[in-house]
């Protein structure tokens, strides 16, 4: 189906949702973008292309600051305010909503999902720490969602390689999938062990399998 875009007022300003709809879907995946880019990111676009054919509606969410044309993201509290404000627009009859996003958008989803009644959290390229500053860990945001949580992380992400994350199950109730060779944007080296299309296929398949377990009635 042709994507449909709608504007949504929030206390932080006007947000925008682009719908990639699967007819009769019982699950909606809402995906926010990072602080340095928009919904055109390769991982967000790959999921929007792949998941509707699997019966999952994808809603790509542009935060108010991005819609307003600003180049710098606001403070976390303002990001959370915008996300909470647009959440009611994501509801569809008979469908559960999973909160997700990449990088800063993943942090927003982790911080707000439980309070919004989300069915789970998808964290793409979660920024575990600023590059080169592992002591400034944000692991508590990830491990404290209280919901089924999937992390998909590039193997060479400077914001946190998979080996740096707390072991899942050791007080951290989440699952982690590595995209071998992927950087923070899931780009892989041209002469790496897998090509770009293969890397994105790893991401989309992992997310599709995980979401299938969250669909109502499963």
N, C-alpha and C. Protein backbone atom coordinates (compact mmCIF):
# COMPACT_ATOMS: atom_id res chain seq x y z
N UNK A 1 0.83 -1.19 0.00
CA UNK A 1 0.00 0.00 0.00
C UNK A 1 0.88 1.26 0.00
N UNK A 2 0.34 2.35 -0.52
CA UNK A 2 1.07 3.61 -0.54
C UNK A 2 1.12 4.19 0.87
N UNK A 3 2.29 4.60 1.36
CA UNK A 3 2.37 5.19 2.71
C UNK A 3 1.48 6.42 2.83
N UNK A 4 0.94 6.58 4.03
CA UNK A 4 0.07 7.73 4.31
C UNK A 4 0.66 8.52 5.48
N UNK A 5 0.70 9.84 5.33
CA UNK A 5 1.30 10.70 6.35
C UNK A 5 0.25 11.58 7.00
N UNK A 6 0.34 11.68 8.33
CA UNK A 6 -0.57 12.56 9.06
C UNK A 6 0.21 13.39 10.07
N UNK A 7 -0.29 14.59 10.34
CA UNK A 7 0.29 15.46 11.36
C UNK A 7 -0.47 15.27 12.66
N UNK A 8 0.27 15.31 13.77
CA UNK A 8 -0.33 15.08 15.08
C UNK A 8 0.15 16.16 16.04
N UNK A 9 -0.77 16.93 16.63
CA UNK A 9 -0.35 17.94 17.60
C UNK A 9 0.09 17.29 18.90
N UNK A 10 1.15 17.81 19.50
CA UNK A 10 1.61 17.35 20.81
C UNK A 10 1.98 18.58 21.64
N UNK A 11 2.15 18.41 22.95
CA UNK A 11 2.58 19.55 23.76
C UNK A 11 3.95 20.10 23.38
N UNK A 12 4.75 19.30 22.66
CA UNK A 12 6.07 19.74 22.23
C UNK A 12 6.07 20.31 20.82
N UNK A 13 4.90 20.37 20.19
CA UNK A 13 4.80 20.84 18.82
C UNK A 13 4.19 19.78 17.92
N UNK A 14 4.11 20.06 16.65
CA UNK A 14 3.49 19.14 15.70
C UNK A 14 4.43 18.01 15.32
N UNK A 15 3.97 16.79 15.51
CA UNK A 15 4.72 15.60 15.08
C UNK A 15 4.12 15.09 13.77
N UNK A 16 4.80 14.11 13.18
CA UNK A 16 4.31 13.56 11.91
C UNK A 16 4.48 12.04 11.92
N UNK A 17 3.44 11.35 11.48
CA UNK A 17 3.48 9.89 11.41
C UNK A 17 3.29 9.48 9.95
N UNK A 18 4.18 8.63 9.46
CA UNK A 18 4.03 8.05 8.13
C UNK A 18 3.67 6.59 8.31
N UNK A 19 2.50 6.22 7.83
CA UNK A 19 1.95 4.88 8.02
C UNK A 19 2.30 3.96 6.85
N UNK A 20 2.86 2.81 7.19
CA UNK A 20 3.06 1.73 6.23
C UNK A 20 2.16 0.60 6.72
N UNK A 21 0.97 0.53 6.16
CA UNK A 21 -0.13 -0.24 6.75
C UNK A 21 -0.22 -1.65 6.19
N UNK A 22 -0.44 -2.59 7.11
CA UNK A 22 -0.77 -3.96 6.74
C UNK A 22 -2.25 -4.16 7.02
N UNK A 23 -3.07 -4.44 6.03
CA UNK A 23 -4.50 -4.62 6.27
C UNK A 23 -4.76 -5.71 7.30
N UNK A 24 -5.62 -5.39 8.26
CA UNK A 24 -6.00 -6.37 9.28
C UNK A 24 -4.93 -6.64 10.31
N UNK A 25 -3.91 -5.79 10.40
CA UNK A 25 -2.81 -6.02 11.33
C UNK A 25 -3.30 -5.99 12.78
N UNK A 26 -2.74 -6.86 13.59
CA UNK A 26 -3.02 -6.87 15.03
C UNK A 26 -1.86 -6.31 15.83
N UNK A 27 -0.85 -5.79 15.11
CA UNK A 27 0.32 -5.22 15.77
C UNK A 27 0.79 -4.00 14.99
N UNK A 28 1.07 -2.92 15.72
CA UNK A 28 1.63 -1.70 15.15
C UNK A 28 3.01 -1.49 15.78
N UNK A 29 4.01 -1.29 14.94
CA UNK A 29 5.35 -0.97 15.41
C UNK A 29 5.60 0.51 15.16
N UNK A 30 5.71 1.28 16.24
CA UNK A 30 5.98 2.71 16.15
C UNK A 30 7.48 2.94 16.28
N UNK A 31 8.08 3.63 15.32
CA UNK A 31 9.53 3.79 15.29
C UNK A 31 9.90 5.27 15.25
N UNK A 32 10.64 5.70 16.27
CA UNK A 32 11.17 7.06 16.29
C UNK A 32 12.59 7.09 15.74
N UNK A 33 13.02 8.26 15.30
CA UNK A 33 14.34 8.41 14.69
C UNK A 33 15.39 8.85 15.73
N UNK A 34 16.62 8.97 15.28
CA UNK A 34 17.69 9.39 16.15
C UNK A 34 17.84 10.90 16.21
N UNK A 35 18.85 11.34 16.97
CA UNK A 35 19.08 12.77 17.14
C UNK A 35 19.80 13.38 15.95
N UNK A 36 20.43 12.53 15.13
CA UNK A 36 21.20 13.05 14.01
C UNK A 36 20.59 12.79 12.65
N UNK A 37 19.37 12.30 12.61
CA UNK A 37 18.75 11.99 11.32
C UNK A 37 17.26 11.80 11.48
N UNK A 38 16.62 11.45 10.38
CA UNK A 38 15.17 11.31 10.39
C UNK A 38 14.73 9.90 10.09
N UNK A 39 13.50 9.77 9.62
CA UNK A 39 12.93 8.45 9.36
C UNK A 39 13.44 7.84 8.07
N UNK A 40 14.33 8.51 7.37
CA UNK A 40 14.94 7.94 6.19
C UNK A 40 16.09 7.00 6.50
N UNK A 41 16.42 6.81 7.78
CA UNK A 41 17.51 5.93 8.17
C UNK A 41 17.30 4.53 7.59
N UNK A 42 18.39 3.87 7.20
CA UNK A 42 18.28 2.59 6.47
C UNK A 42 17.56 1.52 7.28
N UNK A 43 17.77 1.48 8.58
CA UNK A 43 17.10 0.44 9.37
C UNK A 43 15.61 0.68 9.48
N UNK A 44 15.22 1.94 9.66
CA UNK A 44 13.79 2.26 9.75
C UNK A 44 13.10 1.98 8.41
N UNK A 45 13.74 2.37 7.32
CA UNK A 45 13.15 2.15 6.01
C UNK A 45 13.08 0.66 5.68
N UNK A 46 14.08 -0.09 6.08
CA UNK A 46 14.07 -1.54 5.82
C UNK A 46 12.89 -2.21 6.53
N UNK A 47 12.64 -1.81 7.76
CA UNK A 47 11.52 -2.39 8.51
C UNK A 47 10.18 -1.95 7.92
N UNK A 48 10.09 -0.69 7.51
CA UNK A 48 8.84 -0.20 6.91
C UNK A 48 8.53 -0.92 5.60
N UNK A 49 9.57 -1.34 4.91
CA UNK A 49 9.38 -2.06 3.65
C UNK A 49 9.04 -3.52 3.87
N UNK A 50 9.67 -4.14 4.87
CA UNK A 50 9.56 -5.59 5.04
C UNK A 50 8.38 -6.04 5.88
N UNK A 51 8.04 -5.30 6.93
CA UNK A 51 7.09 -5.83 7.90
C UNK A 51 5.63 -5.84 7.47
N UNK A 52 5.14 -4.87 6.70
CA UNK A 52 3.72 -4.94 6.30
C UNK A 52 3.37 -6.25 5.58
N UNK A 53 4.32 -6.79 4.81
CA UNK A 53 4.07 -8.07 4.15
C UNK A 53 3.97 -9.22 5.14
N UNK A 54 4.43 -8.98 6.37
CA UNK A 54 4.34 -9.98 7.43
C UNK A 54 3.15 -9.72 8.36
N UNK A 55 2.28 -8.80 7.94
CA UNK A 55 1.08 -8.52 8.72
C UNK A 55 1.26 -7.53 9.85
N UNK A 56 2.33 -6.74 9.80
CA UNK A 56 2.64 -5.78 10.86
C UNK A 56 2.64 -4.37 10.27
N UNK A 57 1.85 -3.49 10.85
CA UNK A 57 1.83 -2.10 10.43
C UNK A 57 3.00 -1.36 11.06
N UNK A 58 3.68 -0.54 10.27
CA UNK A 58 4.81 0.25 10.75
C UNK A 58 4.44 1.73 10.69
N UNK A 59 4.65 2.43 11.81
CA UNK A 59 4.41 3.86 11.88
C UNK A 59 5.74 4.56 12.13
N UNK A 60 6.23 5.29 11.13
CA UNK A 60 7.47 6.03 11.28
C UNK A 60 7.14 7.41 11.83
N UNK A 61 7.72 7.71 12.98
CA UNK A 61 7.35 8.92 13.73
C UNK A 61 8.46 9.96 13.65
N UNK A 62 8.09 11.16 13.22
CA UNK A 62 9.02 12.29 13.22
C UNK A 62 8.68 13.20 14.40
N UNK A 63 9.67 13.40 15.25
CA UNK A 63 9.50 14.23 16.43
C UNK A 63 9.26 15.69 16.05
N UNK A 64 8.58 16.46 16.91
CA UNK A 64 8.27 17.86 16.58
C UNK A 64 9.48 18.70 16.19
N UNK A 65 10.61 18.49 16.84
CA UNK A 65 11.79 19.30 16.49
C UNK A 65 12.22 19.06 15.05
N UNK A 66 12.07 17.83 14.62
CA UNK A 66 12.46 17.49 13.25
C UNK A 66 11.47 18.06 12.24
N UNK A 67 10.18 17.97 12.57
CA UNK A 67 9.14 18.52 11.71
C UNK A 67 9.31 20.03 11.56
N UNK A 68 9.75 20.69 12.65
CA UNK A 68 9.94 22.14 12.63
C UNK A 68 11.20 22.57 11.90
N UNK A 69 12.01 21.61 11.46
CA UNK A 69 13.20 21.94 10.69
C UNK A 69 14.42 22.29 11.53
N UNK A 70 14.37 22.00 12.82
CA UNK A 70 15.51 22.28 13.68
C UNK A 70 16.58 21.22 13.48
N UNK A 71 17.84 21.61 13.68
CA UNK A 71 18.95 20.70 13.44
C UNK A 71 19.45 20.00 14.69
N UNK A 72 19.06 20.50 15.84
CA UNK A 72 19.54 19.93 17.10
C UNK A 72 18.36 19.44 17.91
N UNK A 73 18.44 18.21 18.38
CA UNK A 73 17.35 17.63 19.18
C UNK A 73 17.28 18.31 20.54
N UNK A 74 16.09 18.45 21.11
CA UNK A 74 15.94 19.05 22.43
C UNK A 74 16.32 18.08 23.53
N UNK A 75 16.12 18.49 24.76
CA UNK A 75 16.46 17.67 25.92
C UNK A 75 15.59 16.42 25.97
N UNK A 76 16.05 15.36 26.64
CA UNK A 76 15.27 14.12 26.73
C UNK A 76 13.85 14.31 27.21
N UNK A 77 13.63 15.19 28.17
CA UNK A 77 12.28 15.40 28.67
C UNK A 77 11.33 15.90 27.59
N UNK A 78 11.83 16.76 26.70
CA UNK A 78 11.00 17.28 25.61
C UNK A 78 10.74 16.20 24.58
N UNK A 79 11.74 15.36 24.31
CA UNK A 79 11.54 14.24 23.40
C UNK A 79 10.46 13.30 23.94
N UNK A 80 10.54 13.01 25.22
CA UNK A 80 9.54 12.13 25.83
C UNK A 80 8.15 12.75 25.78
N UNK A 81 8.08 14.06 25.99
CA UNK A 81 6.80 14.76 25.95
C UNK A 81 6.16 14.66 24.57
N UNK A 82 6.97 14.84 23.52
CA UNK A 82 6.44 14.72 22.17
C UNK A 82 5.95 13.32 21.87
N UNK A 83 6.70 12.31 22.31
CA UNK A 83 6.34 10.90 22.08
C UNK A 83 5.05 10.56 22.81
N UNK A 84 4.95 10.97 24.07
CA UNK A 84 3.72 10.70 24.82
C UNK A 84 2.52 11.38 24.17
N UNK A 85 2.74 12.59 23.67
CA UNK A 85 1.64 13.34 23.08
C UNK A 85 1.09 12.74 21.81
N UNK A 86 1.95 12.08 21.04
CA UNK A 86 1.47 11.49 19.78
C UNK A 86 1.00 10.05 19.95
N UNK A 87 1.29 9.44 21.09
CA UNK A 87 0.96 8.03 21.30
C UNK A 87 -0.49 7.67 21.03
N UNK A 88 -1.47 8.46 21.49
CA UNK A 88 -2.86 8.09 21.23
C UNK A 88 -3.18 7.96 19.74
N UNK A 89 -2.47 8.68 18.89
CA UNK A 89 -2.72 8.61 17.44
C UNK A 89 -2.26 7.29 16.84
N UNK A 90 -1.48 6.52 17.59
CA UNK A 90 -0.97 5.24 17.09
C UNK A 90 -1.95 4.09 17.30
N UNK A 91 -2.96 4.31 18.11
CA UNK A 91 -3.91 3.24 18.43
C UNK A 91 -4.74 2.85 17.22
N UNK A 92 -4.91 1.56 17.05
CA UNK A 92 -5.76 1.00 16.01
C UNK A 92 -6.63 -0.08 16.64
N UNK A 93 -7.92 -0.16 16.26
CA UNK A 93 -8.81 -1.15 16.89
C UNK A 93 -8.26 -2.56 16.79
N UNK A 94 -8.20 -3.24 17.90
CA UNK A 94 -7.76 -4.63 17.92
C UNK A 94 -6.28 -4.85 17.75
N UNK A 95 -5.49 -3.78 17.79
CA UNK A 95 -4.04 -3.92 17.56
C UNK A 95 -3.26 -3.45 18.79
N UNK A 96 -2.23 -4.21 19.14
CA UNK A 96 -1.29 -3.79 20.17
C UNK A 96 -0.23 -2.90 19.53
N UNK A 97 0.38 -2.04 20.32
CA UNK A 97 1.40 -1.13 19.81
C UNK A 97 2.73 -1.40 20.51
N UNK A 98 3.77 -1.59 19.73
CA UNK A 98 5.12 -1.76 20.24
C UNK A 98 5.87 -0.45 20.05
N UNK A 99 6.51 0.03 21.11
CA UNK A 99 7.28 1.26 21.04
C UNK A 99 8.71 0.95 20.60
N UNK A 100 9.21 1.70 19.64
CA UNK A 100 10.56 1.45 19.16
C UNK A 100 11.20 2.68 18.59
N UNK A 101 12.44 2.51 18.20
CA UNK A 101 13.17 3.60 17.60
C UNK A 101 14.64 3.26 17.48
N UNK A 102 15.36 4.15 16.82
CA UNK A 102 16.80 3.96 16.70
C UNK A 102 17.53 5.04 17.49
N UNK A 103 18.64 4.67 18.12
CA UNK A 103 19.50 5.59 18.85
C UNK A 103 18.71 6.40 19.89
N UNK A 104 18.66 7.73 19.75
CA UNK A 104 17.91 8.52 20.72
C UNK A 104 16.45 8.12 20.77
N UNK A 105 15.91 7.72 19.63
CA UNK A 105 14.53 7.26 19.59
C UNK A 105 14.32 5.99 20.37
N UNK A 106 15.35 5.14 20.43
CA UNK A 106 15.28 3.93 21.24
C UNK A 106 15.25 4.28 22.72
N UNK A 107 16.03 5.28 23.11
CA UNK A 107 16.02 5.72 24.51
C UNK A 107 14.64 6.25 24.90
N UNK A 108 14.04 7.04 24.03
CA UNK A 108 12.70 7.55 24.31
C UNK A 108 11.72 6.40 24.53
N UNK A 109 11.77 5.41 23.64
CA UNK A 109 10.87 4.27 23.75
C UNK A 109 11.09 3.53 25.07
N UNK A 110 12.34 3.32 25.43
CA UNK A 110 12.64 2.62 26.68
C UNK A 110 12.11 3.36 27.90
N UNK A 111 12.26 4.67 27.90
CA UNK A 111 11.86 5.47 29.07
C UNK A 111 10.35 5.56 29.23
N UNK A 112 9.60 5.49 28.14
CA UNK A 112 8.17 5.81 28.20
C UNK A 112 7.23 4.63 27.97
N UNK A 113 7.73 3.52 27.46
CA UNK A 113 6.85 2.45 26.97
C UNK A 113 5.91 1.90 28.02
N UNK A 114 6.43 1.59 29.20
CA UNK A 114 5.58 0.98 30.22
C UNK A 114 4.43 1.90 30.61
N UNK A 115 4.72 3.18 30.79
CA UNK A 115 3.69 4.12 31.19
C UNK A 115 2.63 4.34 30.13
N UNK A 116 2.97 4.05 28.87
CA UNK A 116 2.03 4.25 27.77
C UNK A 116 1.24 2.99 27.44
N UNK A 117 1.57 1.89 28.09
CA UNK A 117 0.85 0.64 27.82
C UNK A 117 1.31 -0.07 26.58
N UNK A 118 2.56 0.14 26.18
CA UNK A 118 3.10 -0.55 25.00
C UNK A 118 3.20 -2.05 25.25
N UNK A 119 3.17 -2.82 24.18
CA UNK A 119 3.28 -4.28 24.29
C UNK A 119 4.72 -4.74 24.38
N UNK A 120 5.66 -3.89 24.03
CA UNK A 120 7.08 -4.23 24.06
C UNK A 120 7.90 -3.05 23.58
N UNK A 121 9.23 -3.24 23.57
CA UNK A 121 10.15 -2.18 23.16
C UNK A 121 11.16 -2.74 22.17
N UNK A 122 11.34 -2.05 21.05
CA UNK A 122 12.37 -2.38 20.08
C UNK A 122 13.41 -1.27 20.09
N UNK A 123 14.65 -1.64 20.45
CA UNK A 123 15.74 -0.67 20.51
C UNK A 123 16.75 -0.97 19.42
N UNK A 124 16.79 -0.12 18.42
CA UNK A 124 17.73 -0.26 17.31
C UNK A 124 18.92 0.66 17.57
N UNK A 125 20.15 0.11 17.51
CA UNK A 125 21.36 0.91 17.72
C UNK A 125 21.25 1.70 19.01
N UNK A 126 20.94 1.00 20.09
CA UNK A 126 20.79 1.68 21.38
C UNK A 126 22.12 2.33 21.77
N UNK A 127 22.11 3.64 22.09
CA UNK A 127 23.36 4.33 22.43
C UNK A 127 23.72 4.07 23.89
N UNK A 128 24.36 2.93 24.13
CA UNK A 128 24.67 2.51 25.49
C UNK A 128 25.52 3.53 26.23
N UNK A 129 26.38 4.22 25.49
CA UNK A 129 27.22 5.27 26.07
C UNK A 129 27.70 6.18 24.95
N UNK A 130 28.14 7.40 25.24
CA UNK A 130 28.75 8.22 24.20
C UNK A 130 30.03 7.54 23.70
N UNK A 131 30.39 7.73 22.44
CA UNK A 131 31.60 7.09 21.92
C UNK A 131 32.83 7.40 22.78
N UNK A 132 33.53 6.36 23.15
CA UNK A 132 34.74 6.51 23.95
C UNK A 132 34.50 6.80 25.42
N UNK A 133 33.25 6.77 25.86
CA UNK A 133 32.94 7.09 27.27
C UNK A 133 32.10 5.97 27.89
N UNK A 134 32.63 4.77 28.00
CA UNK A 134 31.84 3.65 28.54
C UNK A 134 31.39 3.85 29.98
N UNK A 135 32.07 4.73 30.70
CA UNK A 135 31.67 4.98 32.09
C UNK A 135 30.34 5.72 32.19
N UNK A 136 29.89 6.33 31.11
CA UNK A 136 28.61 7.05 31.10
C UNK A 136 27.52 6.14 30.53
N UNK A 137 27.31 5.04 31.21
CA UNK A 137 26.38 4.01 30.70
C UNK A 137 24.92 4.44 30.85
N UNK A 138 24.13 4.07 29.85
CA UNK A 138 22.69 4.30 29.88
C UNK A 138 21.94 2.98 29.98
N UNK A 139 22.63 1.96 30.46
CA UNK A 139 22.05 0.62 30.53
C UNK A 139 20.77 0.58 31.36
N UNK A 140 20.67 1.44 32.37
CA UNK A 140 19.49 1.41 33.23
C UNK A 140 18.22 1.70 32.46
N UNK A 141 18.30 2.56 31.42
CA UNK A 141 17.11 2.84 30.61
C UNK A 141 16.64 1.57 29.91
N UNK A 142 17.58 0.80 29.42
CA UNK A 142 17.27 -0.40 28.66
C UNK A 142 16.77 -1.53 29.56
N UNK A 143 17.44 -1.73 30.67
CA UNK A 143 17.09 -2.84 31.54
C UNK A 143 15.87 -2.55 32.41
N UNK A 144 15.44 -1.29 32.43
CA UNK A 144 14.32 -0.93 33.28
C UNK A 144 12.99 -0.76 32.58
N UNK A 145 12.86 -1.28 31.36
CA UNK A 145 11.60 -1.08 30.63
C UNK A 145 10.45 -1.82 31.27
N UNK A 146 10.72 -2.96 31.89
CA UNK A 146 9.64 -3.77 32.47
C UNK A 146 8.79 -4.46 31.43
N UNK A 147 9.23 -4.48 30.18
CA UNK A 147 8.47 -5.05 29.07
C UNK A 147 9.37 -5.95 28.23
N UNK A 148 8.79 -6.83 27.41
CA UNK A 148 9.61 -7.56 26.45
C UNK A 148 10.39 -6.56 25.59
N UNK A 149 11.69 -6.75 25.52
CA UNK A 149 12.55 -5.78 24.83
C UNK A 149 13.54 -6.49 23.93
N UNK A 150 13.66 -6.01 22.70
CA UNK A 150 14.65 -6.53 21.76
C UNK A 150 15.61 -5.41 21.40
N UNK A 151 16.91 -5.70 21.50
CA UNK A 151 17.95 -4.79 21.06
C UNK A 151 18.59 -5.37 19.80
N UNK A 152 18.71 -4.55 18.76
CA UNK A 152 19.45 -4.94 17.56
C UNK A 152 20.62 -3.97 17.45
N UNK A 153 21.83 -4.51 17.51
CA UNK A 153 23.03 -3.66 17.63
C UNK A 153 24.09 -4.06 16.62
N UNK A 154 24.72 -3.06 16.01
CA UNK A 154 25.81 -3.32 15.09
C UNK A 154 27.05 -3.81 15.84
N UNK A 155 27.77 -4.73 15.24
CA UNK A 155 28.93 -5.31 15.89
C UNK A 155 30.06 -4.34 16.14
N UNK A 156 30.10 -3.22 15.40
CA UNK A 156 31.16 -2.23 15.61
C UNK A 156 30.58 -0.85 15.92
N UNK A 157 29.45 -0.83 16.60
CA UNK A 157 28.80 0.43 16.96
C UNK A 157 29.62 1.14 18.03
N UNK A 158 30.13 2.35 17.76
CA UNK A 158 30.94 3.06 18.76
C UNK A 158 30.14 3.54 19.97
N UNK A 159 28.82 3.52 19.84
CA UNK A 159 27.96 3.89 20.98
C UNK A 159 27.69 2.68 21.89
N UNK A 160 28.31 1.56 21.58
CA UNK A 160 28.14 0.37 22.41
C UNK A 160 28.12 -0.88 21.56
N UNK A 161 29.20 -1.66 21.65
CA UNK A 161 29.23 -2.94 20.94
C UNK A 161 28.44 -3.97 21.73
N UNK A 162 27.93 -5.00 21.07
CA UNK A 162 27.12 -6.00 21.77
C UNK A 162 27.80 -6.57 23.02
N UNK A 163 29.12 -6.76 22.96
CA UNK A 163 29.83 -7.33 24.10
C UNK A 163 29.85 -6.42 25.32
N UNK A 164 29.53 -5.14 25.13
CA UNK A 164 29.52 -4.18 26.25
C UNK A 164 28.20 -4.16 27.01
N UNK A 165 27.17 -4.77 26.46
CA UNK A 165 25.86 -4.74 27.11
C UNK A 165 25.83 -5.71 28.28
N UNK A 166 25.00 -5.40 29.31
CA UNK A 166 24.83 -6.35 30.40
C UNK A 166 24.31 -7.67 29.85
N UNK A 167 24.79 -8.80 30.34
CA UNK A 167 24.30 -10.08 29.83
C UNK A 167 22.79 -10.21 30.00
N UNK A 168 22.06 -10.46 28.92
CA UNK A 168 20.61 -10.67 29.07
C UNK A 168 20.34 -11.81 30.05
N UNK A 169 19.40 -11.56 30.95
CA UNK A 169 19.05 -12.57 31.94
C UNK A 169 19.70 -12.32 33.28
N UNK A 170 20.81 -11.55 33.30
CA UNK A 170 21.46 -11.24 34.56
C UNK A 170 20.90 -9.92 35.10
N UNK A 171 19.64 -9.97 35.48
CA UNK A 171 18.96 -8.75 35.93
C UNK A 171 18.59 -7.84 34.80
N UNK A 172 18.72 -8.33 33.58
CA UNK A 172 18.42 -7.52 32.39
C UNK A 172 17.53 -8.34 31.47
N UNK A 173 16.24 -8.08 31.56
CA UNK A 173 15.27 -8.90 30.81
C UNK A 173 15.09 -8.36 29.40
N UNK A 174 16.03 -8.65 28.54
CA UNK A 174 15.91 -8.25 27.14
C UNK A 174 16.65 -9.27 26.28
N UNK A 175 16.41 -9.20 24.97
CA UNK A 175 17.12 -10.03 24.01
C UNK A 175 18.00 -9.14 23.15
N UNK A 176 19.12 -9.67 22.71
CA UNK A 176 20.04 -8.88 21.90
C UNK A 176 20.44 -9.65 20.65
N UNK A 177 20.32 -8.99 19.50
CA UNK A 177 20.74 -9.55 18.22
C UNK A 177 21.83 -8.67 17.64
N UNK A 178 22.92 -9.29 17.23
CA UNK A 178 24.03 -8.55 16.63
C UNK A 178 23.96 -8.58 15.11
N UNK A 179 24.18 -7.43 14.50
CA UNK A 179 24.36 -7.34 13.06
C UNK A 179 25.87 -7.25 12.82
N UNK A 180 26.46 -8.33 12.40
CA UNK A 180 27.92 -8.41 12.28
C UNK A 180 28.46 -7.31 11.38
N UNK A 181 29.46 -6.60 11.89
CA UNK A 181 30.11 -5.56 11.10
C UNK A 181 29.38 -4.25 11.01
N UNK A 182 28.18 -4.17 11.57
CA UNK A 182 27.39 -2.96 11.45
C UNK A 182 27.88 -1.83 12.35
N UNK A 183 27.82 -0.60 11.84
CA UNK A 183 28.14 0.56 12.67
C UNK A 183 26.87 1.10 13.30
N UNK A 184 26.88 2.33 13.76
CA UNK A 184 25.71 2.87 14.45
C UNK A 184 24.50 3.01 13.53
N UNK A 185 24.75 3.11 12.23
CA UNK A 185 23.66 3.18 11.25
C UNK A 185 23.45 1.87 10.53
N UNK A 186 24.08 0.79 11.04
CA UNK A 186 24.02 -0.56 10.45
C UNK A 186 24.66 -0.64 9.07
N UNK A 187 25.54 0.32 8.75
CA UNK A 187 26.33 0.20 7.53
C UNK A 187 27.45 -0.81 7.79
N UNK A 188 27.73 -1.65 6.81
CA UNK A 188 28.77 -2.66 6.96
C UNK A 188 29.90 -2.39 5.96
N UNK A 189 31.13 -2.83 6.26
CA UNK A 189 32.24 -2.62 5.32
C UNK A 189 31.97 -3.30 3.99
N UNK A 190 32.44 -2.69 2.93
CA UNK A 190 32.20 -3.25 1.59
C UNK A 190 32.83 -4.62 1.43
N UNK A 191 33.92 -4.88 2.13
CA UNK A 191 34.59 -6.17 2.05
C UNK A 191 34.40 -6.98 3.33
N UNK A 192 33.29 -6.74 4.02
CA UNK A 192 33.01 -7.46 5.25
C UNK A 192 32.47 -8.85 5.00
N UNK A 193 32.08 -9.51 6.11
CA UNK A 193 31.60 -10.89 5.99
C UNK A 193 30.21 -10.98 5.40
N UNK A 194 29.49 -9.86 5.34
CA UNK A 194 28.18 -9.86 4.69
C UNK A 194 27.95 -8.51 4.03
N UNK A 195 27.14 -8.52 2.98
CA UNK A 195 26.83 -7.28 2.29
C UNK A 195 25.76 -6.49 3.01
N UNK A 196 25.48 -5.28 2.49
CA UNK A 196 24.51 -4.41 3.14
C UNK A 196 23.10 -5.00 3.14
N UNK A 197 22.70 -5.57 2.03
CA UNK A 197 21.37 -6.17 1.97
C UNK A 197 21.25 -7.34 2.95
N UNK A 198 22.31 -8.13 3.07
CA UNK A 198 22.28 -9.25 4.01
C UNK A 198 22.20 -8.76 5.44
N UNK A 199 22.94 -7.70 5.75
CA UNK A 199 22.92 -7.15 7.10
C UNK A 199 21.52 -6.67 7.47
N UNK A 200 20.87 -5.97 6.54
CA UNK A 200 19.52 -5.50 6.83
C UNK A 200 18.53 -6.65 6.92
N UNK A 201 18.78 -7.71 6.16
CA UNK A 201 17.91 -8.89 6.25
C UNK A 201 18.02 -9.54 7.63
N UNK A 202 19.22 -9.56 8.20
CA UNK A 202 19.39 -10.07 9.56
C UNK A 202 18.53 -9.25 10.53
N UNK A 203 18.58 -7.94 10.36
CA UNK A 203 17.82 -7.04 11.24
C UNK A 203 16.31 -7.27 11.09
N UNK A 204 15.83 -7.24 9.85
CA UNK A 204 14.38 -7.33 9.65
C UNK A 204 13.84 -8.70 10.05
N UNK A 205 14.59 -9.77 9.80
CA UNK A 205 14.13 -11.10 10.18
C UNK A 205 14.07 -11.25 11.68
N UNK A 206 15.09 -10.75 12.37
CA UNK A 206 15.10 -10.84 13.83
C UNK A 206 13.92 -10.08 14.43
N UNK A 207 13.66 -8.89 13.90
CA UNK A 207 12.55 -8.08 14.42
C UNK A 207 11.21 -8.75 14.10
N UNK A 208 11.05 -9.27 12.89
CA UNK A 208 9.80 -9.92 12.51
C UNK A 208 9.50 -11.12 13.39
N UNK A 209 10.51 -11.94 13.65
CA UNK A 209 10.31 -13.12 14.50
C UNK A 209 9.93 -12.72 15.92
N UNK A 210 10.59 -11.70 16.44
CA UNK A 210 10.31 -11.26 17.79
C UNK A 210 8.90 -10.66 17.89
N UNK A 211 8.53 -9.83 16.92
CA UNK A 211 7.20 -9.23 16.94
C UNK A 211 6.09 -10.27 16.81
N UNK A 212 6.34 -11.33 16.07
CA UNK A 212 5.32 -12.38 15.91
C UNK A 212 4.94 -12.97 17.26
N UNK A 213 5.86 -12.99 18.19
CA UNK A 213 5.58 -13.53 19.53
C UNK A 213 4.75 -12.57 20.37
N UNK A 214 4.73 -11.29 20.00
CA UNK A 214 3.99 -10.30 20.77
C UNK A 214 2.57 -10.05 20.23
N UNK A 215 2.29 -10.53 19.04
CA UNK A 215 0.99 -10.27 18.42
C UNK A 215 -0.13 -10.85 19.28
N UNK A 216 -1.22 -10.12 19.45
CA UNK A 216 -2.36 -10.64 20.22
C UNK A 216 -2.81 -11.99 19.71
N UNK A 217 -3.07 -12.89 20.65
CA UNK A 217 -3.55 -14.22 20.28
C UNK A 217 -2.43 -15.24 20.15
N UNK A 218 -1.14 -14.76 20.22
CA UNK A 218 -0.02 -15.71 20.11
C UNK A 218 0.30 -16.29 21.49
